[in-house]
Amino acid sequence: MAYEPMLTLLGAAELAGAYRARTLSPREVAQACLAVIEARNPALNAFLVVDGERAMEAAAASEQRWMSGMPRGCLDGVPVTVKDLCPTVGMPARSGSRTTSAAPGTDNA
């Protein structure tokens, strides 16, 4: 199944409204974002690490919360990226350099 890259151009308010109306799901949007990253990152080199599995797990959990009417907040399920300057559990914080440690972080900033 192909995922619509135009989903990645929607703003947070548009996404939250679509989740609330059940016309889009966080999983659909996460899949679209990952597809665009996969297609464009080789040329752009914008992402050093992409944890698609964890992104999809988080999107599925968000989708369940929206479906039950209990989102964590209005931005639940809106995709974000975390720059590698910020320590994040399980991800290296390499500050944009391959000369720094690739050891996974143990806490979040």
PDB file of N, CA and C in Angstrom:
ATOM      1  N   MET A   1       0.835  -1.182   0.000  1.00  0.00           N
ATOM      2  CA  MET A   1       0.000   0.000   0.000  1.00  0.00           C
ATOM      3  C   MET A   1       0.879   1.244   0.000  1.00  0.00           C
ATOM      4  N   ALA A   2       0.607   2.181  -0.872  1.00  0.00           N
ATOM      5  CA  ALA A   2       1.361   3.431  -0.931  1.00  0.00           C
ATOM      6  C   ALA A   2       0.766   4.425   0.064  1.00  0.00           C
ATOM      7  N   TYR A   3       1.629   5.222   0.673  1.00  0.00           N
ATOM      8  CA  TYR A   3       1.172   6.203   1.646  1.00  0.00           C
ATOM      9  C   TYR A   3       1.321   7.591   1.067  1.00  0.00           C
ATOM     10  N   GLU A   4       0.338   8.388   1.291  1.00  0.00           N
ATOM     11  CA  GLU A   4       0.248   9.716   0.713  1.00  0.00           C
ATOM     12  C   GLU A   4       1.241  10.668   1.362  1.00  0.00           C
ATOM     13  N   PRO A   5       2.278  11.085   0.623  1.00  0.00           N
ATOM     14  CA  PRO A   5       3.250  12.007   1.217  1.00  0.00           C
ATOM     15  C   PRO A   5       2.647  13.353   1.589  1.00  0.00           C
ATOM     16  N   MET A   6       1.503  13.710   1.006  1.00  0.00           N
ATOM     17  CA  MET A   6       0.872  14.983   1.345  1.00  0.00           C
ATOM     18  C   MET A   6       0.438  15.016   2.807  1.00  0.00           C
ATOM     19  N   LEU A   7       0.233  13.859   3.410  1.00  0.00           N
ATOM     20  CA  LEU A   7      -0.111  13.817   4.838  1.00  0.00           C
ATOM     21  C   LEU A   7       0.975  14.464   5.675  1.00  0.00           C
ATOM     22  N   THR A   8       2.198  14.409   5.186  1.00  0.00           N
ATOM     23  CA  THR A   8       3.316  14.957   5.956  1.00  0.00           C
ATOM     24  C   THR A   8       3.329  16.483   5.935  1.00  0.00           C
ATOM     25  N   LEU A   9       2.498  17.092   5.119  1.00  0.00           N
ATOM     26  CA  LEU A   9       2.440  18.550   5.037  1.00  0.00           C
ATOM     27  C   LEU A   9       1.341  19.153   5.911  1.00  0.00           C
ATOM     28  N   LEU A  10       0.529  18.303   6.534  1.00  0.00           N
ATOM     29  CA  LEU A  10      -0.540  18.799   7.394  1.00  0.00           C
ATOM     30  C   LEU A  10       0.034  19.320   8.701  1.00  0.00           C
ATOM     31  N   GLY A  11      -0.566  20.376   9.205  1.00  0.00           N
ATOM     32  CA  GLY A  11      -0.138  20.950  10.478  1.00  0.00           C
ATOM     33  C   GLY A  11      -0.710  20.187  11.662  1.00  0.00           C
ATOM     34  N   ALA A  12      -0.209  20.495  12.841  1.00  0.00           N
ATOM     35  CA  ALA A  12      -0.630  19.805  14.059  1.00  0.00           C
ATOM     36  C   ALA A  12      -2.131  19.949  14.304  1.00  0.00           C
ATOM     37  N   ALA A  13      -2.672  21.144  14.109  1.00  0.00           N
ATOM     38  CA  ALA A  13      -4.107  21.353  14.339  1.00  0.00           C
ATOM     39  C   ALA A  13      -4.935  20.546  13.345  1.00  0.00           C
ATOM     40  N   GLU A  14      -4.489  20.488  12.095  1.00  0.00           N
ATOM     41  CA  GLU A  14      -5.204  19.701  11.080  1.00  0.00           C
ATOM     42  C   GLU A  14      -5.165  18.215  11.431  1.00  0.00           C
ATOM     43  N   LEU A  15      -4.007  17.739  11.857  1.00  0.00           N
ATOM     44  CA  LEU A  15      -3.889  16.329  12.224  1.00  0.00           C
ATOM     45  C   LEU A  15      -4.769  15.999  13.423  1.00  0.00           C
ATOM     46  N   ALA A  16      -4.711  16.826  14.450  1.00  0.00           N
ATOM     47  CA  ALA A  16      -5.522  16.572  15.648  1.00  0.00           C
ATOM     48  C   ALA A  16      -7.011  16.567  15.300  1.00  0.00           C
ATOM     49  N   GLY A  17      -7.439  17.493  14.447  1.00  0.00           N
ATOM     50  CA  GLY A  17      -8.842  17.515  14.024  1.00  0.00           C
ATOM     51  C   GLY A  17      -9.225  16.268  13.259  1.00  0.00           C
ATOM     52  N   ALA A  18      -8.324  15.805  12.400  1.00  0.00           N
ATOM     53  CA  ALA A  18      -8.591  14.583  11.623  1.00  0.00           C
ATOM     54  C   ALA A  18      -8.607  13.353  12.526  1.00  0.00           C
ATOM     55  N   TYR A  19      -7.745  13.321  13.534  1.00  0.00           N
ATOM     56  CA  TYR A  19      -7.764  12.194  14.475  1.00  0.00           C
ATOM     57  C   TYR A  19      -9.086  12.203  15.251  1.00  0.00           C
ATOM     58  N   ARG A  20      -9.481  13.389  15.685  1.00  0.00           N
ATOM     59  CA  ARG A  20     -10.720  13.516  16.451  1.00  0.00           C
ATOM     60  C   ARG A  20     -11.918  13.081  15.598  1.00  0.00           C
ATOM     61  N   ALA A  21     -11.910  13.474  14.323  1.00  0.00           N
ATOM     62  CA  ALA A  21     -13.015  13.130  13.414  1.00  0.00           C
ATOM     63  C   ALA A  21     -12.894  11.708  12.867  1.00  0.00           C
ATOM     64  N   ARG A  22     -11.768  11.072  13.154  1.00  0.00           N
ATOM     65  CA  ARG A  22     -11.484   9.711  12.687  1.00  0.00           C
ATOM     66  C   ARG A  22     -11.425   9.611  11.161  1.00  0.00           C
ATOM     67  N   THR A  23     -10.938  10.685  10.528  1.00  0.00           N
ATOM     68  CA  THR A  23     -10.726  10.648   9.083  1.00  0.00           C
ATOM     69  C   THR A  23      -9.285  10.304   8.752  1.00  0.00           C
ATOM     70  N   LEU A  24      -8.414  10.381   9.740  1.00  0.00           N
ATOM     71  CA  LEU A  24      -7.008   9.969   9.638  1.00  0.00           C
ATOM     72  C   LEU A  24      -6.629   9.303  10.939  1.00  0.00           C
ATOM     73  N   SER A  25      -5.627   8.454  10.869  1.00  0.00           N
ATOM     74  CA  SER A  25      -5.126   7.834  12.091  1.00  0.00           C
ATOM     75  C   SER A  25      -3.644   8.168  12.267  1.00  0.00           C
ATOM     76  N   PRO A  26      -3.179   8.190  13.505  1.00  0.00           N
ATOM     77  CA  PRO A  26      -1.751   8.404  13.736  1.00  0.00           C
ATOM     78  C   PRO A  26      -0.873   7.381  13.008  1.00  0.00           C
ATOM     79  N   ARG A  27      -1.358   6.159  12.860  1.00  0.00           N
ATOM     80  CA  ARG A  27      -0.559   5.153  12.140  1.00  0.00           C
ATOM     81  C   ARG A  27      -0.417   5.503  10.670  1.00  0.00           C
ATOM     82  N   GLU A  28      -1.479   5.977  10.041  1.00  0.00           N
ATOM     83  CA  GLU A  28      -1.390   6.381   8.635  1.00  0.00           C
ATOM     84  C   GLU A  28      -0.377   7.510   8.447  1.00  0.00           C
ATOM     85  N   VAL A  29      -0.421   8.461   9.356  1.00  0.00           N
ATOM     86  CA  VAL A  29       0.474   9.611   9.257  1.00  0.00           C
ATOM     87  C   VAL A  29       1.916   9.188   9.521  1.00  0.00           C
ATOM     88  N   ALA A  30       2.126   8.341  10.524  1.00  0.00           N
ATOM     89  CA  ALA A  30       3.486   7.856  10.807  1.00  0.00           C
ATOM     90  C   ALA A  30       4.034   7.076   9.620  1.00  0.00           C
ATOM     91  N   GLN A  31       3.217   6.244   8.998  1.00  0.00           N
ATOM     92  CA  GLN A  31       3.662   5.485   7.831  1.00  0.00           C
ATOM     93  C   GLN A  31       4.044   6.431   6.695  1.00  0.00           C
ATOM     94  N   ALA A  32       3.255   7.476   6.488  1.00  0.00           N
ATOM     95  CA  ALA A  32       3.567   8.450   5.436  1.00  0.00           C
ATOM     96  C   ALA A  32       4.877   9.161   5.737  1.00  0.00           C
ATOM     97  N   CYS A  33       5.075   9.558   6.984  1.00  0.00           N
ATOM     98  CA  CYS A  33       6.323  10.238   7.364  1.00  0.00           C
ATOM     99  C   CYS A  33       7.523   9.322   7.149  1.00  0.00           C
ATOM    100  N   LEU A  34       7.407   8.086   7.569  1.00  0.00           N
ATOM    101  CA  LEU A  34       8.517   7.143   7.398  1.00  0.00           C
ATOM    102  C   LEU A  34       8.800   6.885   5.920  1.00  0.00           C
ATOM    103  N   ALA A  35       7.753   6.833   5.107  1.00  0.00           N
ATOM    104  CA  ALA A  35       7.949   6.619   3.665  1.00  0.00           C
ATOM    105  C   ALA A  35       8.692   7.792   3.037  1.00  0.00           C
ATOM    106  N   VAL A  36       8.338   9.006   3.430  1.00  0.00           N
ATOM    107  CA  VAL A  36       9.016  10.186   2.897  1.00  0.00           C
ATOM    108  C   VAL A  36      10.466  10.223   3.365  1.00  0.00           C
ATOM    109  N   ILE A  37      10.706   9.904   4.624  1.00  0.00           N
ATOM    110  CA  ILE A  37      12.080   9.863   5.136  1.00  0.00           C
ATOM    111  C   ILE A  37      12.898   8.832   4.365  1.00  0.00           C
ATOM    112  N   GLU A  38      12.328   7.652   4.154  1.00  0.00           N
ATOM    113  CA  GLU A  38      13.042   6.601   3.422  1.00  0.00           C
ATOM    114  C   GLU A  38      13.366   7.035   1.997  1.00  0.00           C
ATOM    115  N   ALA A  39      12.428   7.731   1.369  1.00  0.00           N
ATOM    116  CA  ALA A  39      12.630   8.149  -0.016  1.00  0.00           C
ATOM    117  C   ALA A  39      13.622   9.305  -0.152  1.00  0.00           C
ATOM    118  N   ARG A  40      13.590  10.232   0.791  1.00  0.00           N
ATOM    119  CA  ARG A  40      14.378  11.457   0.625  1.00  0.00           C
ATOM    120  C   ARG A  40      15.661  11.524   1.434  1.00  0.00           C
ATOM    121  N   ASN A  41      15.759  10.743   2.490  1.00  0.00           N
ATOM    122  CA  ASN A  41      16.937  10.866   3.348  1.00  0.00           C
ATOM    123  C   ASN A  41      18.251  10.488   2.669  1.00  0.00           C
ATOM    124  N   PRO A  42      18.282   9.542   1.747  1.00  0.00           N
ATOM    125  CA  PRO A  42      19.572   9.260   1.105  1.00  0.00           C
ATOM    126  C   PRO A  42      20.194  10.501   0.446  1.00  0.00           C
ATOM    127  N   ALA A  43      19.371  11.354  -0.119  1.00  0.00           N
ATOM    128  CA  ALA A  43      19.893  12.575  -0.759  1.00  0.00           C
ATOM    129  C   ALA A  43      20.102  13.702   0.244  1.00  0.00           C
ATOM    130  N   LEU A  44      19.224  13.786   1.240  1.00  0.00           N
ATOM    131  CA  LEU A  44      19.279  14.901   2.186  1.00  0.00           C
ATOM    132  C   LEU A  44      20.198  14.642   3.377  1.00  0.00           C
ATOM    133  N   ASN A  45      20.288  13.377   3.772  1.00  0.00           N
ATOM    134  CA  ASN A  45      21.062  13.001   4.951  1.00  0.00           C
ATOM    135  C   ASN A  45      20.635  13.810   6.180  1.00  0.00           C
ATOM    136  N   ALA A  46      19.329  13.977   6.335  1.00  0.00           N
ATOM    137  CA  ALA A  46      18.786  14.748   7.453  1.00  0.00           C
ATOM    138  C   ALA A  46      18.657  13.922   8.722  1.00  0.00           C
ATOM    139  N   PHE A  47      18.562  12.606   8.589  1.00  0.00           N
ATOM    140  CA  PHE A  47      18.375  11.729   9.742  1.00  0.00           C
ATOM    141  C   PHE A  47      19.534  10.753   9.831  1.00  0.00           C
ATOM    142  N   LEU A  48      20.177  10.733  10.986  1.00  0.00           N
ATOM    143  CA  LEU A  48      21.236   9.768  11.229  1.00  0.00           C
ATOM    144  C   LEU A  48      20.625   8.443  11.692  1.00  0.00           C
ATOM    145  N   VAL A  49      19.605   8.550  12.550  1.00  0.00           N
ATOM    146  CA  VAL A  49      18.925   7.367  13.091  1.00  0.00           C
ATOM    147  C   VAL A  49      17.427   7.565  12.915  1.00  0.00           C
ATOM    148  N   VAL A  50      16.757   6.552  12.390  1.00  0.00           N
ATOM    149  CA  VAL A  50      15.296   6.550  12.293  1.00  0.00           C
ATOM    150  C   VAL A  50      14.827   5.247  12.935  1.00  0.00           C
ATOM    151  N   ASP A  51      14.037   5.364  13.980  1.00  0.00           N
ATOM    152  CA  ASP A  51      13.516   4.184  14.663  1.00  0.00           C
ATOM    153  C   ASP A  51      12.060   3.996  14.257  1.00  0.00           C
ATOM    154  N   GLY A  52      11.878   3.461  13.063  1.00  0.00           N
ATOM    155  CA  GLY A  52      10.548   3.274  12.517  1.00  0.00           C
ATOM    156  C   GLY A  52       9.682   2.358  13.359  1.00  0.00           C
ATOM    157  N   GLU A  53      10.287   1.330  13.915  1.00  0.00           N
ATOM    158  CA  GLU A  53       9.521   0.381  14.728  1.00  0.00           C
ATOM    159  C   GLU A  53       8.931   1.082  15.954  1.00  0.00           C
ATOM    160  N   ARG A  54       9.766   1.859  16.642  1.00  0.00           N
ATOM    161  CA  ARG A  54       9.277   2.564  17.835  1.00  0.00           C
ATOM    162  C   ARG A  54       8.257   3.634  17.439  1.00  0.00           C
ATOM    163  N   ALA A  55       8.456   4.290  16.301  1.00  0.00           N
ATOM    164  CA  ALA A  55       7.491   5.291  15.835  1.00  0.00           C
ATOM    165  C   ALA A  55       6.138   4.645  15.564  1.00  0.00           C
ATOM    166  N   MET A  56       6.145   3.489  14.936  1.00  0.00           N
ATOM    167  CA  MET A  56       4.885   2.813  14.628  1.00  0.00           C
ATOM    168  C   MET A  56       4.211   2.281  15.892  1.00  0.00           C
ATOM    169  N   GLU A  57       4.994   1.830  16.862  1.00  0.00           N
ATOM    170  CA  GLU A  57       4.414   1.396  18.138  1.00  0.00           C
ATOM    171  C   GLU A  57       3.734   2.568  18.842  1.00  0.00           C
ATOM    172  N   ALA A  58       4.400   3.720  18.856  1.00  0.00           N
ATOM    173  CA  ALA A  58       3.828   4.906  19.489  1.00  0.00           C
ATOM    174  C   ALA A  58       2.575   5.362  18.742  1.00  0.00           C
ATOM    175  N   ALA A  59       2.600   5.294  17.417  1.00  0.00           N
ATOM    176  CA  ALA A  59       1.441   5.693  16.617  1.00  0.00           C
ATOM    177  C   ALA A  59       0.258   4.760  16.866  1.00  0.00           C
ATOM    178  N   ALA A  60       0.525   3.468  16.981  1.00  0.00           N
ATOM    179  CA  ALA A  60      -0.554   2.506  17.253  1.00  0.00           C
ATOM    180  C   ALA A  60      -1.173   2.766  18.621  1.00  0.00           C
ATOM    181  N   ALA A  61      -0.337   3.058  19.611  1.00  0.00           N
ATOM    182  CA  ALA A  61      -0.853   3.362  20.951  1.00  0.00           C
ATOM    183  C   ALA A  61      -1.683   4.644  20.924  1.00  0.00           C
ATOM    184  N   SER A  62      -1.197   5.646  20.198  1.00  0.00           N
ATOM    185  CA  SER A  62      -1.944   6.893  20.063  1.00  0.00           C
ATOM    186  C   SER A  62      -3.292   6.647  19.381  1.00  0.00           C
ATOM    187  N   GLU A  63      -3.276   5.851  18.337  1.00  0.00           N
ATOM    188  CA  GLU A  63      -4.518   5.545  17.622  1.00  0.00           C
ATOM    189  C   GLU A  63      -5.542   4.907  18.554  1.00  0.00           C
ATOM    190  N   GLN A  64      -5.088   4.005  19.395  1.00  0.00           N
ATOM    191  CA  GLN A  64      -5.999   3.350  20.347  1.00  0.00           C
ATOM    192  C   GLN A  64      -6.585   4.379  21.317  1.00  0.00           C
ATOM    193  N   ARG A  65      -5.745   5.302  21.771  1.00  0.00           N
ATOM    194  CA  ARG A  65      -6.245   6.331  22.690  1.00  0.00           C
ATOM    195  C   ARG A  65      -7.295   7.209  22.000  1.00  0.00           C
ATOM    196  N   TRP A  66      -7.023   7.626  20.747  1.00  0.00           N
ATOM    197  CA  TRP A  66      -7.998   8.445  20.022  1.00  0.00           C
ATOM    198  C   TRP A  66      -9.295   7.667  19.815  1.00  0.00           C
ATOM    199  N   MET A  67      -9.194   6.392  19.457  1.00  0.00           N
ATOM    200  CA  MET A  67     -10.385   5.583  19.207  1.00  0.00           C
ATOM    201  C   MET A  67     -11.223   5.399  20.476  1.00  0.00           C
ATOM    202  N   SER A  68     -10.555   5.394  21.624  1.00  0.00           N
ATOM    203  CA  SER A  68     -11.290   5.243  22.885  1.00  0.00           C
ATOM    204  C   SER A  68     -11.749   6.595  23.439  1.00  0.00           C
ATOM    205  N   GLY A  69     -11.417   7.674  22.730  1.00  0.00           N
ATOM    206  CA  GLY A  69     -11.814   8.999  23.187  1.00  0.00           C
ATOM    207  C   GLY A  69     -10.979   9.534  24.328  1.00  0.00           C
ATOM    208  N   MET A  70      -9.773   8.965  24.502  1.00  0.00           N
ATOM    209  CA  MET A  70      -8.914   9.342  25.627  1.00  0.00           C
ATOM    210  C   MET A  70      -7.499   9.700  25.175  1.00  0.00           C
ATOM    211  N   PRO A  71      -7.348  10.625  24.204  1.00  0.00           N
ATOM    212  CA  PRO A  71      -5.981  11.002  23.819  1.00  0.00           C
ATOM    213  C   PRO A  71      -5.261  11.659  24.986  1.00  0.00           C
ATOM    214  N   ARG A  72      -3.946  11.585  24.989  1.00  0.00           N
ATOM    215  CA  ARG A  72      -3.155  12.200  26.062  1.00  0.00           C
ATOM    216  C   ARG A  72      -3.222  13.714  26.031  1.00  0.00           C
ATOM    217  N   GLY A  73      -3.587  14.252  24.913  1.00  0.00           N
ATOM    218  CA  GLY A  73      -3.698  15.693  24.736  1.00  0.00           C
ATOM    219  C   GLY A  73      -3.978  15.964  23.277  1.00  0.00           C
ATOM    220  N   CYS A  74      -4.114  17.236  22.928  1.00  0.00           N
ATOM    221  CA  CYS A  74      -4.491  17.566  21.552  1.00  0.00           C
ATOM    222  C   CYS A  74      -3.383  17.248  20.548  1.00  0.00           C
ATOM    223  N   LEU A  75      -2.159  17.051  20.993  1.00  0.00           N
ATOM    224  CA  LEU A  75      -1.060  16.735  20.069  1.00  0.00           C
ATOM    225  C   LEU A  75      -0.705  15.250  20.053  1.00  0.00           C
ATOM    226  N   ASP A  76      -1.471  14.433  20.735  1.00  0.00           N
ATOM    227  CA  ASP A  76      -1.217  12.995  20.762  1.00  0.00           C
ATOM    228  C   ASP A  76      -1.243  12.458  19.332  1.00  0.00           C
ATOM    229  N   GLY A  77      -0.168  11.828  18.905  1.00  0.00           N
ATOM    230  CA  GLY A  77      -0.101  11.237  17.576  1.00  0.00           C
ATOM    231  C   GLY A  77       0.454  12.141  16.503  1.00  0.00           C
ATOM    232  N   VAL A  78       0.745  13.396  16.849  1.00  0.00           N
ATOM    233  CA  VAL A  78       1.349  14.303  15.870  1.00  0.00           C
ATOM    234  C   VAL A  78       2.837  13.978  15.804  1.00  0.00           C
ATOM    235  N   PRO A  79       3.351  13.605  14.628  1.00  0.00           N
ATOM    236  CA  PRO A  79       4.762  13.209  14.530  1.00  0.00           C
ATOM    237  C   PRO A  79       5.718  14.369  14.836  1.00  0.00           C
ATOM    238  N   VAL A  80       6.789  14.023  15.510  1.00  0.00           N
ATOM    239  CA  VAL A  80       7.866  14.976  15.779  1.00  0.00           C
ATOM    240  C   VAL A  80       9.197  14.271  15.542  1.00  0.00           C
ATOM    241  N   THR A  81      10.209  15.048  15.284  1.00  0.00           N
ATOM    242  CA  THR A  81      11.555  14.497  15.231  1.00  0.00           C
ATOM    243  C   THR A  81      12.337  15.096  16.384  1.00  0.00           C
ATOM    244  N   VAL A  82      13.343  14.369  16.839  1.00  0.00           N
ATOM    245  CA  VAL A  82      14.181  14.821  17.942  1.00  0.00           C
ATOM    246  C   VAL A  82      15.603  14.931  17.420  1.00  0.00           C
ATOM    247  N   LYS A  83      16.136  16.122  17.479  1.00  0.00           N
ATOM    248  CA  LYS A  83      17.499  16.355  17.017  1.00  0.00           C
ATOM    249  C   LYS A  83      18.467  15.580  17.912  1.00  0.00           C
ATOM    250  N   ASP A  84      19.527  15.091  17.339  1.00  0.00           N
ATOM    251  CA  ASP A  84      20.447  14.256  18.113  1.00  0.00           C
ATOM    252  C   ASP A  84      21.337  15.053  19.064  1.00  0.00           C
ATOM    253  N   LEU A  85      20.963  16.280  19.333  1.00  0.00           N
ATOM    254  CA  LEU A  85      21.601  17.056  20.401  1.00  0.00           C
ATOM    255  C   LEU A  85      20.940  16.765  21.740  1.00  0.00           C
ATOM    256  N   CYS A  86      19.725  16.205  21.679  1.00  0.00           N
ATOM    257  CA  CYS A  86      18.923  15.945  22.873  1.00  0.00           C
ATOM    258  C   CYS A  86      19.058  14.485  23.291  1.00  0.00           C
ATOM    259  N   PRO A  87      19.511  14.240  24.507  1.00  0.00           N
ATOM    260  CA  PRO A  87      19.556  12.851  24.970  1.00  0.00           C
ATOM    261  C   PRO A  87      18.162  12.224  24.945  1.00  0.00           C
ATOM    262  N   THR A  88      18.099  11.022  24.406  1.00  0.00           N
ATOM    263  CA  THR A  88      16.846  10.292  24.280  1.00  0.00           C
ATOM    264  C   THR A  88      17.128   8.825  24.608  1.00  0.00           C
ATOM    265  N   VAL A  89      16.291   8.242  25.457  1.00  0.00           N
ATOM    266  CA  VAL A  89      16.481   6.847  25.846  1.00  0.00           C
ATOM    267  C   VAL A  89      16.575   5.965  24.613  1.00  0.00           C
ATOM    268  N   GLY A  90      17.630   5.178  24.541  1.00  0.00           N
ATOM    269  CA  GLY A  90      17.807   4.210  23.477  1.00  0.00           C
ATOM    270  C   GLY A  90      18.381   4.742  22.178  1.00  0.00           C
ATOM    271  N   MET A  91      18.597   6.043  22.073  1.00  0.00           N
ATOM    272  CA  MET A  91      19.108   6.657  20.844  1.00  0.00           C
ATOM    273  C   MET A  91      20.438   7.363  21.130  1.00  0.00           C
ATOM    274  N   PRO A  92      21.372   7.296  20.202  1.00  0.00           N
ATOM    275  CA  PRO A  92      22.623   8.028  20.410  1.00  0.00           C
ATOM    276  C   PRO A  92      22.403   9.531  20.290  1.00  0.00           C
ATOM    277  N   ALA A  93      23.075  10.291  21.132  1.00  0.00           N
ATOM    278  CA  ALA A  93      23.040  11.760  21.037  1.00  0.00           C
ATOM    279  C   ALA A  93      24.404  12.175  20.495  1.00  0.00           C
ATOM    280  N   ARG A  94      24.535  12.175  19.183  1.00  0.00           N
ATOM    281  CA  ARG A  94      25.849  12.352  18.557  1.00  0.00           C
ATOM    282  C   ARG A  94      26.137  13.788  18.152  1.00  0.00           C
ATOM    283  N   SER A  95      25.238  14.692  18.409  1.00  0.00           N
ATOM    284  CA  SER A  95      25.433  16.112  18.103  1.00  0.00           C
ATOM    285  C   SER A  95      25.797  16.345  16.639  1.00  0.00           C
ATOM    286  N   GLY A  96      25.223  15.561  15.767  1.00  0.00           N
ATOM    287  CA  GLY A  96      25.448  15.732  14.339  1.00  0.00           C
ATOM    288  C   GLY A  96      26.805  15.264  13.851  1.00  0.00           C
ATOM    289  N   SER A  97      27.532  14.511  14.663  1.00  0.00           N
ATOM    290  CA  SER A  97      28.874  14.082  14.283  1.00  0.00           C
ATOM    291  C   SER A  97      29.055  12.591  14.493  1.00  0.00           C
ATOM    292  N   ARG A  98      29.650  11.933  13.532  1.00  0.00           N
ATOM    293  CA  ARG A  98      29.949  10.511  13.680  1.00  0.00           C
ATOM    294  C   ARG A  98      31.205  10.290  14.536  1.00  0.00           C
ATOM    295  N   THR A  99      31.844  11.372  14.966  1.00  0.00           N
ATOM    296  CA  THR A  99      33.036  11.230  15.808  1.00  0.00           C
ATOM    297  C   THR A  99      32.676  11.119  17.281  1.00  0.00           C
ATOM    298  N   THR A 100      31.400  11.320  17.630  1.00  0.00           N
ATOM    299  CA  THR A 100      30.963  11.202  19.017  1.00  0.00           C
ATOM    300  C   THR A 100      30.473   9.782  19.279  1.00  0.00           C
ATOM    301  N   SER A 101      30.208   9.477  20.519  1.00  0.00           N
ATOM    302  CA  SER A 101      29.797   8.133  20.911  1.00  0.00           C
ATOM    303  C   SER A 101      28.448   7.752  20.304  1.00  0.00           C
ATOM    304  N   ALA A 102      28.361   6.519  19.852  1.00  0.00           N
ATOM    305  CA  ALA A 102      27.107   5.979  19.323  1.00  0.00           C
ATOM    306  C   ALA A 102      26.348   5.212  20.395  1.00  0.00           C
ATOM    307  N   ALA A 103      26.801   5.307  21.644  1.00  0.00           N
ATOM    308  CA  ALA A 103      26.143   4.604  22.740  1.00  0.00           C
ATOM    309  C   ALA A 103      24.722   5.154  22.919  1.00  0.00           C
ATOM    310  N   PRO A 104      23.755   4.261  23.115  1.00  0.00           N
ATOM    311  CA  PRO A 104      22.379   4.732  23.311  1.00  0.00           C
ATOM    312  C   PRO A 104      22.240   5.503  24.613  1.00  0.00           C
ATOM    313  N   GLY A 105      21.362   6.510  24.590  1.00  0.00           N
ATOM    314  CA  GLY A 105      21.099   7.295  25.789  1.00  0.00           C
ATOM    315  C   GLY A 105      20.347   6.500  26.826  1.00  0.00           C
ATOM    316  N   THR A 106      20.508   6.900  28.082  1.00  0.00           N
ATOM    317  CA  THR A 106      19.844   6.225  29.189  1.00  0.00           C
ATOM    318  C   THR A 106      18.760   7.074  29.828  1.00  0.00           C
ATOM    319  N   ASP A 107      18.642   8.347  29.392  1.00  0.00           N
ATOM    320  CA  ASP A 107      17.575   9.198  29.897  1.00  0.00           C
ATOM    321  C   ASP A 107      17.176  10.221  28.842  1.00  0.00           C
ATOM    322  N   ASN A 108      16.064  10.875  29.077  1.00  0.00           N
ATOM    323  CA  ASN A 108      15.567  11.894  28.152  1.00  0.00           C
ATOM    324  C   ASN A 108      15.908  13.272  28.686  1.00  0.00           C
ATOM    325  N   ALA A 109      16.177  14.191  27.773  1.00  0.00           N
ATOM    326  CA  ALA A 109      16.474  15.568  28.181  1.00  0.00           C
ATOM    327  C   ALA A 109      15.211  16.276  28.579  1.00  0.00           C
TER     328      ALA A 109
END
